[in-house]
Amino acid sequence: STLILKASLTANPQAKIGIVVSRFNELITEKLLAG
């Protein structure tokens, strides 16, 4: 059989996430970060 994988949109609560954000154009990047 063919293996088909489709990822869930529910996060693993153990996952550690990093977000790097540019201060340049901070008016925009603050909104991106909040989202």
ModelCIF file with pLDDT and N, C-alpha, C, O atoms, coordinates in Angstrom:
data_MODEL
#
_entry.id   MODEL 
#
_entity.id                         1 
_entity.type                       polymer 
_entity.pdbx_number_of_molecules   1 
#
_entity_poly.entity_id                      1 
_entity_poly.type                           'polypeptide(L)' 
_entity_poly.nstd_linkage                   no 
_entity_poly.nstd_monomer                   no 
_entity_poly.pdbx_seq_one_letter_code       STLILKASLTANPQAKIGIVVSRFNELITEKLLAG 
_entity_poly.pdbx_seq_one_letter_code_can   STLILKASLTANPQAKIGIVVSRFNELITEKLLAG 
_entity_poly.pdbx_strand_id                 A 
#
loop_
_entity_poly_seq.entity_id 
_entity_poly_seq.num 
_entity_poly_seq.mon_id 
_entity_poly_seq.hetero 
1 1  SER n 
1 2  THR n 
1 3  LEU n 
1 4  ILE n 
1 5  LEU n 
1 6  LYS n 
1 7  ALA n 
1 8  SER n 
1 9  LEU n 
1 10 THR n 
1 11 ALA n 
1 12 ASN n 
1 13 PRO n 
1 14 GLN n 
1 15 ALA n 
1 16 LYS n 
1 17 ILE n 
1 18 GLY n 
1 19 ILE n 
1 20 VAL n 
1 21 VAL n 
1 22 SER n 
1 23 ARG n 
1 24 PHE n 
1 25 ASN n 
1 26 GLU n 
1 27 LEU n 
1 28 ILE n 
1 29 THR n 
1 30 GLU n 
1 31 LYS n 
1 32 LEU n 
1 33 LEU n 
1 34 ALA n 
1 35 GLY n 
#
_struct_asym.id          A 
_struct_asym.entity_id   1 
#
loop_
_ma_qa_metric.id 
_ma_qa_metric.mode 
_ma_qa_metric.name 
_ma_qa_metric.software_group_id 
_ma_qa_metric.type 
1 global pLDDT . pLDDT 
2 local  pLDDT . pLDDT 
#
_ma_qa_metric_global.metric_id      1 
_ma_qa_metric_global.metric_value   90.03 
_ma_qa_metric_global.model_id       1 
_ma_qa_metric_global.ordinal_id     1 
#
loop_
_ma_qa_metric_local.label_asym_id 
_ma_qa_metric_local.label_comp_id 
_ma_qa_metric_local.label_seq_id 
_ma_qa_metric_local.metric_id 
_ma_qa_metric_local.metric_value 
_ma_qa_metric_local.model_id 
_ma_qa_metric_local.ordinal_id 
A SER 1  2 73.00 1 1  
A THR 2  2 76.00 1 2  
A LEU 3  2 71.00 1 3  
A ILE 4  2 75.00 1 4  
A LEU 5  2 73.00 1 5  
A LYS 6  2 76.00 1 6  
A ALA 7  2 72.00 1 7  
A SER 8  2 75.00 1 8  
A LEU 9  2 79.00 1 9  
A THR 10 2 82.00 1 10 
A ALA 11 2 83.00 1 11 
A ASN 12 2 89.00 1 12 
A PRO 13 2 90.00 1 13 
A GLN 14 2 95.00 1 14 
A ALA 15 2 96.00 1 15 
A LYS 16 2 98.00 1 16 
A ILE 17 2 98.00 1 17 
A GLY 18 2 98.00 1 18 
A ILE 19 2 98.00 1 19 
A VAL 20 2 98.00 1 20 
A VAL 21 2 98.00 1 21 
A SER 22 2 98.00 1 22 
A ARG 23 2 97.00 1 23 
A PHE 24 2 96.00 1 24 
A ASN 25 2 95.00 1 25 
A GLU 26 2 96.00 1 26 
A LEU 27 2 95.00 1 27 
A ILE 28 2 97.00 1 28 
A THR 29 2 98.00 1 29 
A GLU 30 2 98.00 1 30 
A LYS 31 2 97.00 1 31 
A LEU 32 2 98.00 1 32 
A LEU 33 2 98.00 1 33 
A ALA 34 2 98.00 1 34 
A GLY 35 2 97.00 1 35 
#
loop_
_atom_site.group_PDB 
_atom_site.id 
_atom_site.type_symbol 
_atom_site.label_atom_id 
_atom_site.label_alt_id 
_atom_site.label_comp_id 
_atom_site.label_asym_id 
_atom_site.label_entity_id 
_atom_site.label_seq_id 
_atom_site.pdbx_PDB_ins_code 
_atom_site.Cartn_x 
_atom_site.Cartn_y 
_atom_site.Cartn_z 
_atom_site.occupancy 
_atom_site.B_iso_or_equiv 
_atom_site.pdbx_formal_charge 
_atom_site.auth_seq_id 
_atom_site.auth_comp_id 
_atom_site.auth_asym_id 
_atom_site.auth_atom_id 
_atom_site.pdbx_PDB_model_num 
ATOM 1   N N  . SER A 1 1  ? 0.833  -1.196 0.000  1.00 73.00 ? 1  SER A N  1 
ATOM 2   C CA . SER A 1 1  ? 0.000  0.000  0.000  1.00 73.00 ? 1  SER A CA 1 
ATOM 3   C C  . SER A 1 1  ? 0.873  1.253  0.000  1.00 73.00 ? 1  SER A C  1 
ATOM 4   O O  . SER A 1 1  ? 2.021  1.238  0.443  1.00 73.00 ? 1  SER A O  1 
ATOM 5   N N  . THR A 1 2  ? 0.305  2.309  -0.498 1.00 76.00 ? 2  THR A N  1 
ATOM 6   C CA . THR A 1 2  ? 0.999  3.586  -0.565 1.00 76.00 ? 2  THR A CA 1 
ATOM 7   C C  . THR A 1 2  ? 0.928  4.265  0.792  1.00 76.00 ? 2  THR A C  1 
ATOM 8   O O  . THR A 1 2  ? -0.139 4.325  1.404  1.00 76.00 ? 2  THR A O  1 
ATOM 9   N N  . LEU A 1 3  ? 2.054  4.774  1.264  1.00 71.00 ? 3  LEU A N  1 
ATOM 10  C CA . LEU A 1 3  ? 2.104  5.500  2.522  1.00 71.00 ? 3  LEU A CA 1 
ATOM 11  C C  . LEU A 1 3  ? 1.771  6.962  2.244  1.00 71.00 ? 3  LEU A C  1 
ATOM 12  O O  . LEU A 1 3  ? 2.459  7.628  1.470  1.00 71.00 ? 3  LEU A O  1 
ATOM 13  N N  . ILE A 1 4  ? 0.723  7.447  2.874  1.00 75.00 ? 4  ILE A N  1 
ATOM 14  C CA . ILE A 1 4  ? 0.325  8.844  2.723  1.00 75.00 ? 4  ILE A CA 1 
ATOM 15  C C  . ILE A 1 4  ? 0.299  9.464  4.106  1.00 75.00 ? 4  ILE A C  1 
ATOM 16  O O  . ILE A 1 4  ? -0.399 8.980  4.998  1.00 75.00 ? 4  ILE A O  1 
ATOM 17  N N  . LEU A 1 5  ? 1.051  10.524 4.284  1.00 73.00 ? 5  LEU A N  1 
ATOM 18  C CA . LEU A 1 5  ? 1.104  11.218 5.562  1.00 73.00 ? 5  LEU A CA 1 
ATOM 19  C C  . LEU A 1 5  ? 0.501  12.604 5.403  1.00 73.00 ? 5  LEU A C  1 
ATOM 20  O O  . LEU A 1 5  ? 0.796  13.322 4.447  1.00 73.00 ? 5  LEU A O  1 
ATOM 21  N N  . LYS A 1 6  ? -0.337 12.961 6.343  1.00 76.00 ? 6  LYS A N  1 
ATOM 22  C CA . LYS A 1 6  ? -0.921 14.296 6.354  1.00 76.00 ? 6  LYS A CA 1 
ATOM 23  C C  . LYS A 1 6  ? -0.837 14.788 7.790  1.00 76.00 ? 6  LYS A C  1 
ATOM 24  O O  . LYS A 1 6  ? -1.360 14.162 8.712  1.00 76.00 ? 6  LYS A O  1 
ATOM 25  N N  . ALA A 1 7  ? -0.178 15.904 7.958  1.00 72.00 ? 7  ALA A N  1 
ATOM 26  C CA . ALA A 1 7  ? 0.091  16.395 9.303  1.00 72.00 ? 7  ALA A CA 1 
ATOM 27  C C  . ALA A 1 7  ? -1.146 17.017 9.942  1.00 72.00 ? 7  ALA A C  1 
ATOM 28  O O  . ALA A 1 7  ? -1.981 17.630 9.276  1.00 72.00 ? 7  ALA A O  1 
ATOM 29  N N  . SER A 1 8  ? -1.230 16.841 11.227 1.00 75.00 ? 8  SER A N  1 
ATOM 30  C CA . SER A 1 8  ? -2.289 17.439 12.036 1.00 75.00 ? 8  SER A CA 1 
ATOM 31  C C  . SER A 1 8  ? -1.977 18.917 12.253 1.00 75.00 ? 8  SER A C  1 
ATOM 32  O O  . SER A 1 8  ? -0.820 19.335 12.205 1.00 75.00 ? 8  SER A O  1 
ATOM 33  N N  . LEU A 1 9  ? -3.014 19.688 12.487 1.00 79.00 ? 9  LEU A N  1 
ATOM 34  C CA . LEU A 1 9  ? -2.835 21.106 12.779 1.00 79.00 ? 9  LEU A CA 1 
ATOM 35  C C  . LEU A 1 9  ? -2.942 21.389 14.273 1.00 79.00 ? 9  LEU A C  1 
ATOM 36  O O  . LEU A 1 9  ? -3.102 22.537 14.687 1.00 79.00 ? 9  LEU A O  1 
ATOM 37  N N  . THR A 1 10 ? -2.851 20.331 15.079 1.00 82.00 ? 10 THR A N  1 
ATOM 38  C CA . THR A 1 10 ? -2.817 20.465 16.531 1.00 82.00 ? 10 THR A CA 1 
ATOM 39  C C  . THR A 1 10 ? -1.376 20.256 16.968 1.00 82.00 ? 10 THR A C  1 
ATOM 40  O O  . THR A 1 10 ? -0.764 19.243 16.629 1.00 82.00 ? 10 THR A O  1 
ATOM 41  N N  . ALA A 1 11 ? -0.840 21.188 17.704 1.00 83.00 ? 11 ALA A N  1 
ATOM 42  C CA . ALA A 1 11 ? 0.568  21.145 18.080 1.00 83.00 ? 11 ALA A CA 1 
ATOM 43  C C  . ALA A 1 11 ? 0.828  20.150 19.196 1.00 83.00 ? 11 ALA A C  1 
ATOM 44  O O  . ALA A 1 11 ? -0.046 19.862 20.014 1.00 83.00 ? 11 ALA A O  1 
ATOM 45  N N  . ASN A 1 12 ? 2.040  19.635 19.212 1.00 89.00 ? 12 ASN A N  1 
ATOM 46  C CA . ASN A 1 12 ? 2.525  18.839 20.330 1.00 89.00 ? 12 ASN A CA 1 
ATOM 47  C C  . ASN A 1 12 ? 2.840  19.808 21.467 1.00 89.00 ? 12 ASN A C  1 
ATOM 48  O O  . ASN A 1 12 ? 3.704  20.670 21.305 1.00 89.00 ? 12 ASN A O  1 
ATOM 49  N N  . PRO A 1 13 ? 2.173  19.694 22.599 1.00 90.00 ? 13 PRO A N  1 
ATOM 50  C CA . PRO A 1 13 ? 2.396  20.657 23.684 1.00 90.00 ? 13 PRO A CA 1 
ATOM 51  C C  . PRO A 1 13 ? 3.808  20.603 24.278 1.00 90.00 ? 13 PRO A C  1 
ATOM 52  O O  . PRO A 1 13 ? 4.195  21.488 25.041 1.00 90.00 ? 13 PRO A O  1 
ATOM 53  N N  . GLN A 1 14 ? 4.570  19.569 23.928 1.00 95.00 ? 14 GLN A N  1 
ATOM 54  C CA . GLN A 1 14 ? 5.962  19.470 24.393 1.00 95.00 ? 14 GLN A CA 1 
ATOM 55  C C  . GLN A 1 14 ? 6.935  20.204 23.473 1.00 95.00 ? 14 GLN A C  1 
ATOM 56  O O  . GLN A 1 14 ? 8.096  20.404 23.828 1.00 95.00 ? 14 GLN A O  1 
ATOM 57  N N  . ALA A 1 15 ? 6.465  20.603 22.297 1.00 96.00 ? 15 ALA A N  1 
ATOM 58  C CA . ALA A 1 15 ? 7.350  21.234 21.311 1.00 96.00 ? 15 ALA A CA 1 
ATOM 59  C C  . ALA A 1 15 ? 7.912  22.546 21.839 1.00 96.00 ? 15 ALA A C  1 
ATOM 60  O O  . ALA A 1 15 ? 7.217  23.328 22.487 1.00 96.00 ? 15 ALA A O  1 
ATOM 61  N N  . LYS A 1 16 ? 9.173  22.760 21.547 1.00 98.00 ? 16 LYS A N  1 
ATOM 62  C CA . LYS A 1 16 ? 9.841  24.014 21.897 1.00 98.00 ? 16 LYS A CA 1 
ATOM 63  C C  . LYS A 1 16 ? 10.033 24.795 20.596 1.00 98.00 ? 16 LYS A C  1 
ATOM 64  O O  . LYS A 1 16 ? 10.614 24.303 19.629 1.00 98.00 ? 16 LYS A O  1 
ATOM 65  N N  . ILE A 1 17 ? 9.529  26.020 20.607 1.00 98.00 ? 17 ILE A N  1 
ATOM 66  C CA . ILE A 1 17 ? 9.493  26.843 19.410 1.00 98.00 ? 17 ILE A CA 1 
ATOM 67  C C  . ILE A 1 17 ? 10.372 28.071 19.595 1.00 98.00 ? 17 ILE A C  1 
ATOM 68  O O  . ILE A 1 17 ? 10.352 28.717 20.642 1.00 98.00 ? 17 ILE A O  1 
ATOM 69  N N  . GLY A 1 18 ? 11.135 28.377 18.572 1.00 98.00 ? 18 GLY A N  1 
ATOM 70  C CA . GLY A 1 18 ? 11.918 29.604 18.545 1.00 98.00 ? 18 GLY A CA 1 
ATOM 71  C C  . GLY A 1 18 ? 11.349 30.548 17.500 1.00 98.00 ? 18 GLY A C  1 
ATOM 72  O O  . GLY A 1 18 ? 10.974 30.131 16.404 1.00 98.00 ? 18 GLY A O  1 
ATOM 73  N N  . ILE A 1 19 ? 11.291 31.798 17.848 1.00 98.00 ? 19 ILE A N  1 
ATOM 74  C CA . ILE A 1 19 ? 10.872 32.828 16.886 1.00 98.00 ? 19 ILE A CA 1 
ATOM 75  C C  . ILE A 1 19 ? 11.954 33.898 16.874 1.00 98.00 ? 19 ILE A C  1 
ATOM 76  O O  . ILE A 1 19 ? 12.262 34.497 17.904 1.00 98.00 ? 19 ILE A O  1 
ATOM 77  N N  . VAL A 1 20 ? 12.528 34.131 15.692 1.00 98.00 ? 20 VAL A N  1 
ATOM 78  C CA . VAL A 1 20 ? 13.477 35.232 15.532 1.00 98.00 ? 20 VAL A CA 1 
ATOM 79  C C  . VAL A 1 20 ? 12.747 36.338 14.779 1.00 98.00 ? 20 VAL A C  1 
ATOM 80  O O  . VAL A 1 20 ? 12.106 36.095 13.756 1.00 98.00 ? 20 VAL A O  1 
ATOM 81  N N  . VAL A 1 21 ? 12.857 37.556 15.303 1.00 98.00 ? 21 VAL A N  1 
ATOM 82  C CA . VAL A 1 21 ? 12.077 38.677 14.789 1.00 98.00 ? 21 VAL A CA 1 
ATOM 83  C C  . VAL A 1 21 ? 12.982 39.876 14.538 1.00 98.00 ? 21 VAL A C  1 
ATOM 84  O O  . VAL A 1 21 ? 13.796 40.243 15.384 1.00 98.00 ? 21 VAL A O  1 
ATOM 85  N N  . SER A 1 22 ? 12.829 40.472 13.378 1.00 98.00 ? 22 SER A N  1 
ATOM 86  C CA . SER A 1 22 ? 13.585 41.658 13.030 1.00 98.00 ? 22 SER A CA 1 
ATOM 87  C C  . SER A 1 22 ? 12.940 42.907 13.646 1.00 98.00 ? 22 SER A C  1 
ATOM 88  O O  . SER A 1 22 ? 11.726 43.094 13.569 1.00 98.00 ? 22 SER A O  1 
ATOM 89  N N  . ARG A 1 23 ? 13.776 43.756 14.257 1.00 97.00 ? 23 ARG A N  1 
ATOM 90  C CA . ARG A 1 23 ? 13.280 45.040 14.775 1.00 97.00 ? 23 ARG A CA 1 
ATOM 91  C C  . ARG A 1 23 ? 13.052 46.045 13.650 1.00 97.00 ? 23 ARG A C  1 
ATOM 92  O O  . ARG A 1 23 ? 12.232 46.953 13.784 1.00 97.00 ? 23 ARG A O  1 
ATOM 93  N N  . PHE A 1 24 ? 13.773 45.888 12.543 1.00 96.00 ? 24 PHE A N  1 
ATOM 94  C CA . PHE A 1 24 ? 13.599 46.814 11.425 1.00 96.00 ? 24 PHE A CA 1 
ATOM 95  C C  . PHE A 1 24 ? 12.175 46.638 10.893 1.00 96.00 ? 24 PHE A C  1 
ATOM 96  O O  . PHE A 1 24 ? 11.726 45.513 10.675 1.00 96.00 ? 24 PHE A O  1 
ATOM 97  N N  . ASN A 1 25 ? 11.483 47.727 10.689 1.00 95.00 ? 25 ASN A N  1 
ATOM 98  C CA . ASN A 1 25 ? 10.051 47.721 10.330 1.00 95.00 ? 25 ASN A CA 1 
ATOM 99  C C  . ASN A 1 25 ? 9.221  47.091 11.455 1.00 95.00 ? 25 ASN A C  1 
ATOM 100 O O  . ASN A 1 25 ? 8.317  46.291 11.212 1.00 95.00 ? 25 ASN A O  1 
ATOM 101 N N  . GLU A 1 26 ? 9.550  47.471 12.673 1.00 96.00 ? 26 GLU A N  1 
ATOM 102 C CA . GLU A 1 26 ? 8.913  46.909 13.867 1.00 96.00 ? 26 GLU A CA 1 
ATOM 103 C C  . GLU A 1 26 ? 7.396  47.111 13.893 1.00 96.00 ? 26 GLU A C  1 
ATOM 104 O O  . GLU A 1 26 ? 6.681  46.302 14.483 1.00 96.00 ? 26 GLU A O  1 
ATOM 105 N N  . LEU A 1 27 ? 6.907  48.152 13.280 1.00 95.00 ? 27 LEU A N  1 
ATOM 106 C CA . LEU A 1 27 ? 5.457  48.356 13.178 1.00 95.00 ? 27 LEU A CA 1 
ATOM 107 C C  . LEU A 1 27 ? 4.805  47.113 12.585 1.00 95.00 ? 27 LEU A C  1 
ATOM 108 O O  . LEU A 1 27 ? 3.722  46.709 13.009 1.00 95.00 ? 27 LEU A O  1 
ATOM 109 N N  . ILE A 1 28 ? 5.457  46.522 11.620 1.00 97.00 ? 28 ILE A N  1 
ATOM 110 C CA . ILE A 1 28 ? 4.948  45.327 10.944 1.00 97.00 ? 28 ILE A CA 1 
ATOM 111 C C  . ILE A 1 28 ? 5.309  44.066 11.722 1.00 97.00 ? 28 ILE A C  1 
ATOM 112 O O  . ILE A 1 28 ? 4.454  43.213 11.960 1.00 97.00 ? 28 ILE A O  1 
ATOM 113 N N  . THR A 1 29 ? 6.567  43.951 12.115 1.00 98.00 ? 29 THR A N  1 
ATOM 114 C CA . THR A 1 29 ? 7.026  42.692 12.719 1.00 98.00 ? 29 THR A CA 1 
ATOM 115 C C  . THR A 1 29 ? 6.372  42.416 14.075 1.00 98.00 ? 29 THR A C  1 
ATOM 116 O O  . THR A 1 29 ? 6.187  41.257 14.447 1.00 98.00 ? 29 THR A O  1 
ATOM 117 N N  . GLU A 1 30 ? 6.023  43.463 14.808 1.00 98.00 ? 30 GLU A N  1 
ATOM 118 C CA . GLU A 1 30 ? 5.283  43.246 16.068 1.00 98.00 ? 30 GLU A CA 1 
ATOM 119 C C  . GLU A 1 30 ? 3.940  42.557 15.798 1.00 98.00 ? 30 GLU A C  1 
ATOM 120 O O  . GLU A 1 30 ? 3.523  41.684 16.558 1.00 98.00 ? 30 GLU A O  1 
ATOM 121 N N  . LYS A 1 31 ? 3.282  42.948 14.736 1.00 97.00 ? 31 LYS A N  1 
ATOM 122 C CA . LYS A 1 31 ? 1.989  42.344 14.378 1.00 97.00 ? 31 LYS A CA 1 
ATOM 123 C C  . LYS A 1 31 ? 2.174  40.900 13.911 1.00 97.00 ? 31 LYS A C  1 
ATOM 124 O O  . LYS A 1 31 ? 1.370  40.029 14.243 1.00 97.00 ? 31 LYS A O  1 
ATOM 125 N N  . LEU A 1 32 ? 3.227  40.651 13.146 1.00 98.00 ? 32 LEU A N  1 
ATOM 126 C CA . LEU A 1 32 ? 3.518  39.283 12.714 1.00 98.00 ? 32 LEU A CA 1 
ATOM 127 C C  . LEU A 1 32 ? 3.790  38.397 13.928 1.00 98.00 ? 32 LEU A C  1 
ATOM 128 O O  . LEU A 1 32 ? 3.309  37.266 14.001 1.00 98.00 ? 32 LEU A O  1 
ATOM 129 N N  . LEU A 1 33 ? 4.562  38.916 14.874 1.00 98.00 ? 33 LEU A N  1 
ATOM 130 C CA . LEU A 1 33 ? 4.881  38.164 16.086 1.00 98.00 ? 33 LEU A CA 1 
ATOM 131 C C  . LEU A 1 33 ? 3.619  37.872 16.890 1.00 98.00 ? 33 LEU A C  1 
ATOM 132 O O  . LEU A 1 33 ? 3.426  36.745 17.347 1.00 98.00 ? 33 LEU A O  1 
ATOM 133 N N  . ALA A 1 34 ? 2.768  38.862 17.067 1.00 98.00 ? 34 ALA A N  1 
ATOM 134 C CA . ALA A 1 34 ? 1.525  38.659 17.816 1.00 98.00 ? 34 ALA A CA 1 
ATOM 135 C C  . ALA A 1 34 ? 0.671  37.572 17.163 1.00 98.00 ? 34 ALA A C  1 
ATOM 136 O O  . ALA A 1 34 ? 0.096  36.731 17.854 1.00 98.00 ? 34 ALA A O  1 
ATOM 137 N N  . GLY A 1 35 ? 0.592  37.589 15.837 1.00 97.00 ? 35 GLY A N  1 
ATOM 138 C CA . GLY A 1 35 ? -0.170 36.572 15.121 1.00 97.00 ? 35 GLY A CA 1 
ATOM 139 C C  . GLY A 1 35 ? 0.420  35.187 15.300 1.00 97.00 ? 35 GLY A C  1 
ATOM 140 O O  . GLY A 1 35 ? -0.109 34.216 14.758 1.00 97.00 ? 35 GLY A O  1 
#
